[in-house]
């Protein structure tokens, strides 16, 4: 079966050679599960299919963990920016210039 999905849509452009993206791995895993749920499971390939399913599960979990880590980093950076902006705004409102304006007149 050939993949007609553009590399950029599936994330395959940034993947190492031979490794598939999350969506493709999940799709293949669903296919294996459907095959194993069927009435006519070929015993000769059962072990190989279960092993492949295990590999796909591991890959999907790694991708999810990587995405979670990346999201947490971005959120942390955004929170730091908000805190810094709030500190600058607070320093501008409570600064010494506010007190001096009334006494100079």
PDB file of N, CA and C in Angstrom:
ATOM      1  N   UNK A   1       0.840  -1.170   0.000  1.00  0.00           N
ATOM      2  CA  UNK A   1       0.000   0.000   0.000  1.00  0.00           C
ATOM      3  C   UNK A   1       0.884   1.232   0.000  1.00  0.00           C
ATOM      4  N   UNK A   2       0.630   2.186  -0.872  1.00  0.00           N
ATOM      5  CA  UNK A   2       1.433   3.393  -0.947  1.00  0.00           C
ATOM      6  C   UNK A   2       0.734   4.525  -0.239  1.00  0.00           C
ATOM      7  N   UNK A   3       1.532   5.409   0.364  1.00  0.00           N
ATOM      8  CA  UNK A   3       0.999   6.548   1.093  1.00  0.00           C
ATOM      9  C   UNK A   3       0.901   7.731   0.155  1.00  0.00           C
ATOM     10  N   UNK A   4      -0.313   8.243  -0.024  1.00  0.00           N
ATOM     11  CA  UNK A   4      -0.514   9.391  -0.902  1.00  0.00           C
ATOM     12  C   UNK A   4      -0.659  10.682  -0.119  1.00  0.00           C
ATOM     13  N   UNK A   5      -0.507  10.611   1.205  1.00  0.00           N
ATOM     14  CA  UNK A   5      -0.614  11.795   2.043  1.00  0.00           C
ATOM     15  C   UNK A   5       0.648  12.624   1.884  1.00  0.00           C
ATOM     16  N   UNK A   6       0.529  13.930   1.667  1.00  0.00           N
ATOM     17  CA  UNK A   6       1.725  14.762   1.587  1.00  0.00           C
ATOM     18  C   UNK A   6       2.515  14.665   2.885  1.00  0.00           C
ATOM     19  N   UNK A   7       3.824  14.712   2.772  1.00  0.00           N
ATOM     20  CA  UNK A   7       4.681  14.559   3.943  1.00  0.00           C
ATOM     21  C   UNK A   7       4.398  15.620   4.986  1.00  0.00           C
ATOM     22  N   UNK A   8       4.091  16.844   4.571  1.00  0.00           N
ATOM     23  CA  UNK A   8       3.854  17.900   5.539  1.00  0.00           C
ATOM     24  C   UNK A   8       2.563  17.693   6.310  1.00  0.00           C
ATOM     25  N   UNK A   9       1.581  17.046   5.717  1.00  0.00           N
ATOM     26  CA  UNK A   9       0.312  16.836   6.397  1.00  0.00           C
ATOM     27  C   UNK A   9       0.426  15.768   7.468  1.00  0.00           C
ATOM     28  N   UNK A  10       1.258  14.769   7.249  1.00  0.00           N
ATOM     29  CA  UNK A  10       1.368  13.686   8.212  1.00  0.00           C
ATOM     30  C   UNK A  10       2.526  13.870   9.173  1.00  0.00           C
ATOM     31  N   UNK A  11       3.329  14.890   8.969  1.00  0.00           N
ATOM     32  CA  UNK A  11       4.471  15.119   9.832  1.00  0.00           C
ATOM     33  C   UNK A  11       5.672  14.280   9.440  1.00  0.00           C
ATOM     34  N   UNK A  12       5.583  13.561   8.330  1.00  0.00           N
ATOM     35  CA  UNK A  12       6.646  12.658   7.936  1.00  0.00           C
ATOM     36  C   UNK A  12       7.890  13.387   7.446  1.00  0.00           C
ATOM     37  N   UNK A  13       7.772  14.649   7.070  1.00  0.00           N
ATOM     38  CA  UNK A  13       8.920  15.380   6.565  1.00  0.00           C
ATOM     39  C   UNK A  13      10.000  15.515   7.623  1.00  0.00           C
ATOM     40  N   UNK A  14       9.602  15.606   8.891  1.00  0.00           N
ATOM     41  CA  UNK A  14      10.577  15.767   9.950  1.00  0.00           C
ATOM     42  C   UNK A  14      10.918  14.445  10.618  1.00  0.00           C
ATOM     43  N   UNK A  15      10.361  13.342  10.137  1.00  0.00           N
ATOM     44  CA  UNK A  15      10.582  12.039  10.732  1.00  0.00           C
ATOM     45  C   UNK A  15      11.865  11.419  10.207  1.00  0.00           C
ATOM     46  N   UNK A  16      12.561  10.674  11.075  1.00  0.00           N
ATOM     47  CA  UNK A  16      13.715   9.916  10.583  1.00  0.00           C
ATOM     48  C   UNK A  16      13.257   8.874   9.569  1.00  0.00           C
ATOM     49  N   UNK A  17      14.149   8.464   8.717  1.00  0.00           N
ATOM     50  CA  UNK A  17      13.824   7.489   7.686  1.00  0.00           C
ATOM     51  C   UNK A  17      13.288   6.211   8.324  1.00  0.00           C
ATOM     52  N   UNK A  18      12.161   5.725   7.800  1.00  0.00           N
ATOM     53  CA  UNK A  18      11.599   4.481   8.281  1.00  0.00           C
ATOM     54  C   UNK A  18      10.614   4.646   9.427  1.00  0.00           C
ATOM     55  N   UNK A  19      10.496   5.823  10.004  1.00  0.00           N
ATOM     56  CA  UNK A  19       9.573   6.026  11.111  1.00  0.00           C
ATOM     57  C   UNK A  19       8.333   6.753  10.606  1.00  0.00           C
ATOM     58  N   UNK A  20       7.178   6.335  11.104  1.00  0.00           N
ATOM     59  CA  UNK A  20       5.936   6.923  10.631  1.00  0.00           C
ATOM     60  C   UNK A  20       5.419   7.947  11.641  1.00  0.00           C
ATOM     61  N   UNK A  21       4.520   8.782  11.194  1.00  0.00           N
ATOM     62  CA  UNK A  21       3.920   9.785  12.056  1.00  0.00           C
ATOM     63  C   UNK A  21       2.838   9.193  12.936  1.00  0.00           C
ATOM     64  N   UNK A  22       2.385  10.002  13.886  1.00  0.00           N
ATOM     65  CA  UNK A  22       1.376   9.567  14.848  1.00  0.00           C
ATOM     66  C   UNK A  22       0.088   9.114  14.160  1.00  0.00           C
ATOM     67  N   UNK A  23      -0.425   9.926  13.260  1.00  0.00           N
ATOM     68  CA  UNK A  23      -1.702   9.595  12.607  1.00  0.00           C
ATOM     69  C   UNK A  23      -1.602   8.281  11.830  1.00  0.00           C
ATOM     70  N   UNK A  24      -0.481   8.083  11.131  1.00  0.00           N
ATOM     71  CA  UNK A  24      -0.303   6.842  10.375  1.00  0.00           C
ATOM     72  C   UNK A  24      -0.158   5.648  11.317  1.00  0.00           C
ATOM     73  N   UNK A  25       0.563   5.839  12.421  1.00  0.00           N
ATOM     74  CA  UNK A  25       0.733   4.760  13.395  1.00  0.00           C
ATOM     75  C   UNK A  25      -0.609   4.383  14.015  1.00  0.00           C
ATOM     76  N   UNK A  26      -1.406   5.382  14.355  1.00  0.00           N
ATOM     77  CA  UNK A  26      -2.709   5.125  14.948  1.00  0.00           C
ATOM     78  C   UNK A  26      -3.627   4.407  13.958  1.00  0.00           C
ATOM     79  N   UNK A  27      -3.578   4.820  12.709  1.00  0.00           N
ATOM     80  CA  UNK A  27      -4.387   4.177  11.683  1.00  0.00           C
ATOM     81  C   UNK A  27      -3.980   2.714  11.501  1.00  0.00           C
ATOM     82  N   UNK A  28      -2.688   2.466  11.459  1.00  0.00           N
ATOM     83  CA  UNK A  28      -2.208   1.084  11.315  1.00  0.00           C
ATOM     84  C   UNK A  28      -2.597   0.253  12.531  1.00  0.00           C
ATOM     85  N   UNK A  29      -2.491   0.845  13.706  1.00  0.00           N
ATOM     86  CA  UNK A  29      -2.863   0.147  14.936  1.00  0.00           C
ATOM     87  C   UNK A  29      -4.342  -0.219  14.926  1.00  0.00           C
ATOM     88  N   UNK A  30      -5.175   0.706  14.492  1.00  0.00           N
ATOM     89  CA  UNK A  30      -6.616   0.414  14.394  1.00  0.00           C
ATOM     90  C   UNK A  30      -6.874  -0.726  13.414  1.00  0.00           C
ATOM     91  N   UNK A  31      -6.128  -0.747  12.311  1.00  0.00           N
ATOM     92  CA  UNK A  31      -6.269  -1.838  11.351  1.00  0.00           C
ATOM     93  C   UNK A  31      -5.892  -3.181  11.947  1.00  0.00           C
ATOM     94  N   UNK A  32      -4.821  -3.190  12.731  1.00  0.00           N
ATOM     95  CA  UNK A  32      -4.392  -4.436  13.380  1.00  0.00           C
ATOM     96  C   UNK A  32      -5.452  -4.890  14.384  1.00  0.00           C
ATOM     97  N   UNK A  33      -5.986  -3.954  15.150  1.00  0.00           N
ATOM     98  CA  UNK A  33      -7.020  -4.315  16.120  1.00  0.00           C
ATOM     99  C   UNK A  33      -8.252  -4.874  15.431  1.00  0.00           C
ATOM    100  N   UNK A  34      -8.650  -4.275  14.316  1.00  0.00           N
ATOM    101  CA  UNK A  34      -9.789  -4.795  13.548  1.00  0.00           C
ATOM    102  C   UNK A  34      -9.500  -6.211  13.055  1.00  0.00           C
ATOM    103  N   UNK A  35      -8.270  -6.398  12.585  1.00  0.00           N
ATOM    104  CA  UNK A  35      -7.861  -7.721  12.090  1.00  0.00           C
ATOM    105  C   UNK A  35      -7.910  -8.753  13.211  1.00  0.00           C
ATOM    106  N   UNK A  36      -7.402  -8.382  14.389  1.00  0.00           N
ATOM    107  CA  UNK A  36      -7.373  -9.322  15.510  1.00  0.00           C
ATOM    108  C   UNK A  36      -8.768  -9.593  16.073  1.00  0.00           C
ATOM    109  N   UNK A  37      -9.673  -8.619  15.938  1.00  0.00           N
ATOM    110  CA  UNK A  37     -11.047  -8.808  16.401  1.00  0.00           C
ATOM    111  C   UNK A  37     -11.859  -9.680  15.447  1.00  0.00           C
ATOM    112  N   UNK A  38     -11.372  -9.851  14.239  1.00  0.00           N
ATOM    113  CA  UNK A  38     -12.104 -10.633  13.238  1.00  0.00           C
ATOM    114  C   UNK A  38     -12.146 -12.107  13.587  1.00  0.00           C
ATOM    115  N   UNK A  39     -13.013 -12.797  12.888  1.00  0.00           N
ATOM    116  CA  UNK A  39     -13.197 -14.230  13.123  1.00  0.00           C
ATOM    117  C   UNK A  39     -12.073 -15.076  12.536  1.00  0.00           C
ATOM    118  N   UNK A  40     -11.394 -14.559  11.524  1.00  0.00           N
ATOM    119  CA  UNK A  40     -10.398 -15.355  10.827  1.00  0.00           C
ATOM    120  C   UNK A  40      -8.995 -14.808  11.056  1.00  0.00           C
ATOM    121  N   UNK A  41      -8.501 -14.937  12.270  1.00  0.00           N
ATOM    122  CA  UNK A  41      -7.154 -14.488  12.585  1.00  0.00           C
ATOM    123  C   UNK A  41      -6.182 -15.578  12.164  1.00  0.00           C
ATOM    124  N   UNK A  42      -5.212 -15.216  11.331  1.00  0.00           N
ATOM    125  CA  UNK A  42      -4.196 -16.160  10.875  1.00  0.00           C
ATOM    126  C   UNK A  42      -3.189 -16.370  12.007  1.00  0.00           C
ATOM    127  N   UNK A  43      -3.187 -17.550  12.572  1.00  0.00           N
ATOM    128  CA  UNK A  43      -2.328 -17.876  13.708  1.00  0.00           C
ATOM    129  C   UNK A  43      -0.850 -17.709  13.346  1.00  0.00           C
ATOM    130  N   UNK A  44      -0.516 -17.918  12.093  1.00  0.00           N
ATOM    131  CA  UNK A  44       0.876 -17.811  11.665  1.00  0.00           C
ATOM    132  C   UNK A  44       1.403 -16.383  11.750  1.00  0.00           C
ATOM    133  N   UNK A  45       0.526 -15.392  11.667  1.00  0.00           N
ATOM    134  CA  UNK A  45       0.971 -14.000  11.720  1.00  0.00           C
ATOM    135  C   UNK A  45       0.534 -13.300  13.008  1.00  0.00           C
ATOM    136  N   UNK A  46      -0.144 -14.015  13.873  1.00  0.00           N
ATOM    137  CA  UNK A  46      -0.680 -13.426  15.087  1.00  0.00           C
ATOM    138  C   UNK A  46       0.420 -12.783  15.945  1.00  0.00           C
ATOM    139  N   UNK A  47       1.485 -13.506  16.191  1.00  0.00           N
ATOM    140  CA  UNK A  47       2.581 -12.979  17.011  1.00  0.00           C
ATOM    141  C   UNK A  47       3.193 -11.727  16.417  1.00  0.00           C
ATOM    142  N   UNK A  48       3.409 -11.755  15.099  1.00  0.00           N
ATOM    143  CA  UNK A  48       3.998 -10.594  14.422  1.00  0.00           C
ATOM    144  C   UNK A  48       3.069  -9.389  14.493  1.00  0.00           C
ATOM    145  N   UNK A  49       1.763  -9.611  14.350  1.00  0.00           N
ATOM    146  CA  UNK A  49       0.807  -8.499  14.398  1.00  0.00           C
ATOM    147  C   UNK A  49       0.729  -7.895  15.801  1.00  0.00           C
ATOM    148  N   UNK A  50       0.763  -8.754  16.815  1.00  0.00           N
ATOM    149  CA  UNK A  50       0.732  -8.268  18.197  1.00  0.00           C
ATOM    150  C   UNK A  50       2.015  -7.494  18.499  1.00  0.00           C
ATOM    151  N   UNK A  51       3.146  -7.988  18.019  1.00  0.00           N
ATOM    152  CA  UNK A  51       4.419  -7.275  18.220  1.00  0.00           C
ATOM    153  C   UNK A  51       4.382  -5.913  17.527  1.00  0.00           C
ATOM    154  N   UNK A  52       3.871  -5.865  16.323  1.00  0.00           N
ATOM    155  CA  UNK A  52       3.775  -4.599  15.592  1.00  0.00           C
ATOM    156  C   UNK A  52       2.835  -3.637  16.324  1.00  0.00           C
ATOM    157  N   UNK A  53       1.732  -4.159  16.842  1.00  0.00           N
ATOM    158  CA  UNK A  53       0.809  -3.321  17.607  1.00  0.00           C
ATOM    159  C   UNK A  53       1.504  -2.739  18.830  1.00  0.00           C
ATOM    160  N   UNK A  54       2.330  -3.535  19.470  1.00  0.00           N
ATOM    161  CA  UNK A  54       3.079  -3.067  20.637  1.00  0.00           C
ATOM    162  C   UNK A  54       4.040  -1.940  20.252  1.00  0.00           C
ATOM    163  N   UNK A  55       4.722  -2.100  19.125  1.00  0.00           N
ATOM    164  CA  UNK A  55       5.636  -1.056  18.641  1.00  0.00           C
ATOM    165  C   UNK A  55       4.877   0.241  18.337  1.00  0.00           C
ATOM    166  N   UNK A  56       3.716   0.099  17.709  1.00  0.00           N
ATOM    167  CA  UNK A  56       2.915   1.269  17.357  1.00  0.00           C
ATOM    168  C   UNK A  56       2.395   1.975  18.604  1.00  0.00           C
ATOM    169  N   UNK A  57       1.974   1.202  19.595  1.00  0.00           N
ATOM    170  CA  UNK A  57       1.534   1.794  20.859  1.00  0.00           C
ATOM    171  C   UNK A  57       2.662   2.582  21.513  1.00  0.00           C
ATOM    172  N   UNK A  58       3.839   2.007  21.524  1.00  0.00           N
ATOM    173  CA  UNK A  58       5.007   2.680  22.110  1.00  0.00           C
ATOM    174  C   UNK A  58       5.292   3.983  21.366  1.00  0.00           C
ATOM    175  N   UNK A  59       5.258   3.927  20.045  1.00  0.00           N
ATOM    176  CA  UNK A  59       5.504   5.120  19.239  1.00  0.00           C
ATOM    177  C   UNK A  59       4.463   6.196  19.532  1.00  0.00           C
ATOM    178  N   UNK A  60       3.190   5.815  19.594  1.00  0.00           N
ATOM    179  CA  UNK A  60       2.119   6.785  19.867  1.00  0.00           C
ATOM    180  C   UNK A  60       2.287   7.401  21.248  1.00  0.00           C
ATOM    181  N   UNK A  61       2.615   6.592  22.231  1.00  0.00           N
ATOM    182  CA  UNK A  61       2.819   7.116  23.588  1.00  0.00           C
ATOM    183  C   UNK A  61       3.987   8.091  23.629  1.00  0.00           C
ATOM    184  N   UNK A  62       5.069   7.772  22.916  1.00  0.00           N
ATOM    185  CA  UNK A  62       6.220   8.674  22.869  1.00  0.00           C
ATOM    186  C   UNK A  62       5.854   9.998  22.215  1.00  0.00           C
ATOM    187  N   UNK A  63       5.069   9.934  21.143  1.00  0.00           N
ATOM    188  CA  UNK A  63       4.649  11.154  20.447  1.00  0.00           C
ATOM    189  C   UNK A  63       3.761  12.008  21.348  1.00  0.00           C
ATOM    190  N   UNK A  64       2.844  11.360  22.071  1.00  0.00           N
ATOM    191  CA  UNK A  64       1.964  12.092  22.984  1.00  0.00           C
ATOM    192  C   UNK A  64       2.784  12.738  24.098  1.00  0.00           C
ATOM    193  N   UNK A  65       3.721  11.992  24.656  1.00  0.00           N
ATOM    194  CA  UNK A  65       4.572  12.549  25.721  1.00  0.00           C
ATOM    195  C   UNK A  65       5.402  13.716  25.201  1.00  0.00           C
ATOM    196  N   UNK A  66       5.923  13.592  23.989  1.00  0.00           N
ATOM    197  CA  UNK A  66       6.696  14.679  23.388  1.00  0.00           C
ATOM    198  C   UNK A  66       5.854  15.916  23.146  1.00  0.00           C
ATOM    199  N   UNK A  67       4.648  15.714  22.659  1.00  0.00           N
ATOM    200  CA  UNK A  67       3.745  16.840  22.418  1.00  0.00           C
ATOM    201  C   UNK A  67       3.356  17.494  23.741  1.00  0.00           C
ATOM    202  N   UNK A  68       3.090  16.693  24.754  1.00  0.00           N
ATOM    203  CA  UNK A  68       2.730  17.230  26.075  1.00  0.00           C
ATOM    204  C   UNK A  68       3.881  18.081  26.623  1.00  0.00           C
ATOM    205  N   UNK A  69       5.104  17.576  26.512  1.00  0.00           N
ATOM    206  CA  UNK A  69       6.275  18.313  26.989  1.00  0.00           C
ATOM    207  C   UNK A  69       6.414  19.645  26.255  1.00  0.00           C
ATOM    208  N   UNK A  70       6.247  19.611  24.947  1.00  0.00           N
ATOM    209  CA  UNK A  70       6.362  20.830  24.143  1.00  0.00           C
ATOM    210  C   UNK A  70       5.282  21.847  24.519  1.00  0.00           C
ATOM    211  N   UNK A  71       4.058  21.373  24.712  1.00  0.00           N
ATOM    212  CA  UNK A  71       2.964  22.269  25.109  1.00  0.00           C
ATOM    213  C   UNK A  71       3.257  22.876  26.474  1.00  0.00           C
ATOM    214  N   UNK A  72       3.741  22.065  27.409  1.00  0.00           N
ATOM    215  CA  UNK A  72       4.064  22.579  28.738  1.00  0.00           C
ATOM    216  C   UNK A  72       5.163  23.636  28.673  1.00  0.00           C
ATOM    217  N   UNK A  73       6.146  23.442  27.797  1.00  0.00           N
ATOM    218  CA  UNK A  73       7.201  24.434  27.631  1.00  0.00           C
ATOM    219  C   UNK A  73       6.636  25.750  27.112  1.00  0.00           C
ATOM    220  N   UNK A  74       5.792  25.676  26.105  1.00  0.00           N
ATOM    221  CA  UNK A  74       5.205  26.882  25.515  1.00  0.00           C
ATOM    222  C   UNK A  74       4.344  27.607  26.549  1.00  0.00           C
ATOM    223  N   UNK A  75       3.529  26.857  27.277  1.00  0.00           N
ATOM    224  CA  UNK A  75       2.680  27.466  28.307  1.00  0.00           C
ATOM    225  C   UNK A  75       3.547  28.120  29.378  1.00  0.00           C
ATOM    226  N   UNK A  76       4.624  27.464  29.773  1.00  0.00           N
ATOM    227  CA  UNK A  76       5.538  28.039  30.760  1.00  0.00           C
ATOM    228  C   UNK A  76       6.157  29.341  30.265  1.00  0.00           C
ATOM    229  N   UNK A  77       6.552  29.364  29.008  1.00  0.00           N
ATOM    230  CA  UNK A  77       7.125  30.581  28.427  1.00  0.00           C
ATOM    231  C   UNK A  77       6.088  31.701  28.390  1.00  0.00           C
ATOM    232  N   UNK A  78       4.857  31.370  28.026  1.00  0.00           N
ATOM    233  CA  UNK A  78       3.792  32.376  27.989  1.00  0.00           C
ATOM    234  C   UNK A  78       3.494  32.913  29.385  1.00  0.00           C
ATOM    235  N   UNK A  79       3.458  32.032  30.368  1.00  0.00           N
ATOM    236  CA  UNK A  79       3.214  32.469  31.745  1.00  0.00           C
ATOM    237  C   UNK A  79       4.329  33.386  32.226  1.00  0.00           C
ATOM    238  N   UNK A  80       5.576  33.063  31.876  1.00  0.00           N
ATOM    239  CA  UNK A  80       6.709  33.907  32.264  1.00  0.00           C
ATOM    240  C   UNK A  80       6.599  35.284  31.610  1.00  0.00           C
ATOM    241  N   UNK A  81       6.173  35.327  30.359  1.00  0.00           N
ATOM    242  CA  UNK A  81       5.994  36.606  29.666  1.00  0.00           C
ATOM    243  C   UNK A  81       4.888  37.441  30.321  1.00  0.00           C
ATOM    244  N   UNK A  82       3.812  36.777  30.705  1.00  0.00           N
ATOM    245  CA  UNK A  82       2.707  37.485  31.357  1.00  0.00           C
ATOM    246  C   UNK A  82       3.159  38.028  32.706  1.00  0.00           C
ATOM    247  N   UNK A  83       3.888  37.230  33.468  1.00  0.00           N
ATOM    248  CA  UNK A  83       4.391  37.677  34.765  1.00  0.00           C
ATOM    249  C   UNK A  83       5.359  38.843  34.602  1.00  0.00           C
ATOM    250  N   UNK A  84       6.218  38.772  33.604  1.00  0.00           N
ATOM    251  CA  UNK A  84       7.166  39.862  33.359  1.00  0.00           C
ATOM    252  C   UNK A  84       6.433  41.134  32.954  1.00  0.00           C
ATOM    253  N   UNK A  85       5.432  41.016  32.113  1.00  0.00           N
ATOM    254  CA  UNK A  85       4.660  42.181  31.686  1.00  0.00           C
ATOM    255  C   UNK A  85       3.906  42.777  32.871  1.00  0.00           C
ATOM    256  N   UNK A  86       3.368  41.931  33.742  1.00  0.00           N
ATOM    257  CA  UNK A  86       2.660  42.414  34.921  1.00  0.00           C
ATOM    258  C   UNK A  86       3.624  43.130  35.864  1.00  0.00           C
ATOM    259  N   UNK A  87       4.838  42.606  36.002  1.00  0.00           N
ATOM    260  CA  UNK A  87       5.832  43.246  36.867  1.00  0.00           C
ATOM    261  C   UNK A  87       6.234  44.606  36.315  1.00  0.00           C
ATOM    262  N   UNK A  88       6.390  44.701  35.001  1.00  0.00           N
ATOM    263  CA  UNK A  88       6.733  45.983  34.372  1.00  0.00           C
ATOM    264  C   UNK A  88       5.591  46.973  34.549  1.00  0.00           C
ATOM    265  N   UNK A  89       4.368  46.513  34.355  1.00  0.00           N
ATOM    266  CA  UNK A  89       3.210  47.391  34.514  1.00  0.00           C
ATOM    267  C   UNK A  89       3.091  47.864  35.955  1.00  0.00           C
ATOM    268  N   UNK A  90       3.303  46.968  36.897  1.00  0.00           N
ATOM    269  CA  UNK A  90       3.224  47.323  38.313  1.00  0.00           C
ATOM    270  C   UNK A  90       4.331  48.298  38.690  1.00  0.00           C
ATOM    271  N   UNK A  91       5.516  48.097  38.184  1.00  0.00           N
ATOM    272  CA  UNK A  91       6.630  49.002  38.462  1.00  0.00           C
ATOM    273  C   UNK A  91       6.357  50.375  37.871  1.00  0.00           C
ATOM    274  N   UNK A  92       5.709  50.436  36.739  1.00  0.00           N
ATOM    275  CA  UNK A  92       5.373  51.714  36.112  1.00  0.00           C
ATOM    276  C   UNK A  92       4.325  52.478  36.895  1.00  0.00           C
ATOM    277  N   UNK A  93       3.381  51.785  37.518  1.00  0.00           N
ATOM    278  CA  UNK A  93       2.317  52.428  38.283  1.00  0.00           C
ATOM    279  C   UNK A  93       2.790  52.835  39.676  1.00  0.00           C
ATOM    280  N   UNK A  94       3.653  52.056  40.295  1.00  0.00           N
ATOM    281  CA  UNK A  94       4.099  52.312  41.652  1.00  0.00           C
ATOM    282  C   UNK A  94       5.465  52.977  41.705  1.00  0.00           C
ATOM    283  N   UNK A  95       5.970  53.421  40.572  1.00  0.00           N
ATOM    284  CA  UNK A  95       7.321  53.989  40.511  1.00  0.00           C
ATOM    285  C   UNK A  95       7.427  55.327  41.223  1.00  0.00           C
ATOM    286  N   UNK A  96       8.647  55.812  41.463  1.00  0.00           N
ATOM    287  CA  UNK A  96       8.882  57.062  42.182  1.00  0.00           C
ATOM    288  C   UNK A  96       8.401  58.287  41.416  1.00  0.00           C
ATOM    289  N   UNK A  97       8.245  58.213  40.119  1.00  0.00           N
ATOM    290  CA  UNK A  97       7.810  59.360  39.339  1.00  0.00           C
ATOM    291  C   UNK A  97       6.398  59.797  39.703  1.00  0.00           C
ATOM    292  N   UNK A  98       5.545  58.877  40.147  1.00  0.00           N
ATOM    293  CA  UNK A  98       4.176  59.221  40.500  1.00  0.00           C
ATOM    294  C   UNK A  98       4.128  60.145  41.709  1.00  0.00           C
ATOM    295  N   UNK A  99       5.021  59.955  42.678  1.00  0.00           N
ATOM    296  CA  UNK A  99       5.020  60.771  43.896  1.00  0.00           C
ATOM    297  C   UNK A  99       5.605  62.149  43.643  1.00  0.00           C
ATOM    298  N   UNK A 100       6.590  62.272  42.753  1.00  0.00           N
ATOM    299  CA  UNK A 100       7.280  63.536  42.526  1.00  0.00           C
ATOM    300  C   UNK A 100       6.449  64.533  41.735  1.00  0.00           C
ATOM    301  N   UNK A 101       5.472  64.120  40.987  1.00  0.00           N
ATOM    302  CA  UNK A 101       4.727  65.023  40.128  1.00  0.00           C
ATOM    303  C   UNK A 101       3.941  66.046  40.930  1.00  0.00           C
ATOM    304  N   UNK A 102       3.377  65.660  42.045  1.00  0.00           N
ATOM    305  CA  UNK A 102       2.559  66.591  42.821  1.00  0.00           C
ATOM    306  C   UNK A 102       3.410  67.553  43.633  1.00  0.00           C
ATOM    307  N   UNK A 103       4.588  67.174  44.079  1.00  0.00           N
ATOM    308  CA  UNK A 103       5.410  68.024  44.942  1.00  0.00           C
ATOM    309  C   UNK A 103       6.160  69.086  44.159  1.00  0.00           C
ATOM    310  N   UNK A 104       6.340  68.934  42.866  1.00  0.00           N
ATOM    311  CA  UNK A 104       7.073  69.899  42.071  1.00  0.00           C
ATOM    312  C   UNK A 104       6.230  71.124  41.726  1.00  0.00           C
ATOM    313  N   UNK A 105       4.963  71.092  41.926  1.00  0.00           N
ATOM    314  CA  UNK A 105       4.093  72.204  41.527  1.00  0.00           C
ATOM    315  C   UNK A 105       3.920  73.176  42.603  1.00  0.00           C
TER     316      UNK A 105
END
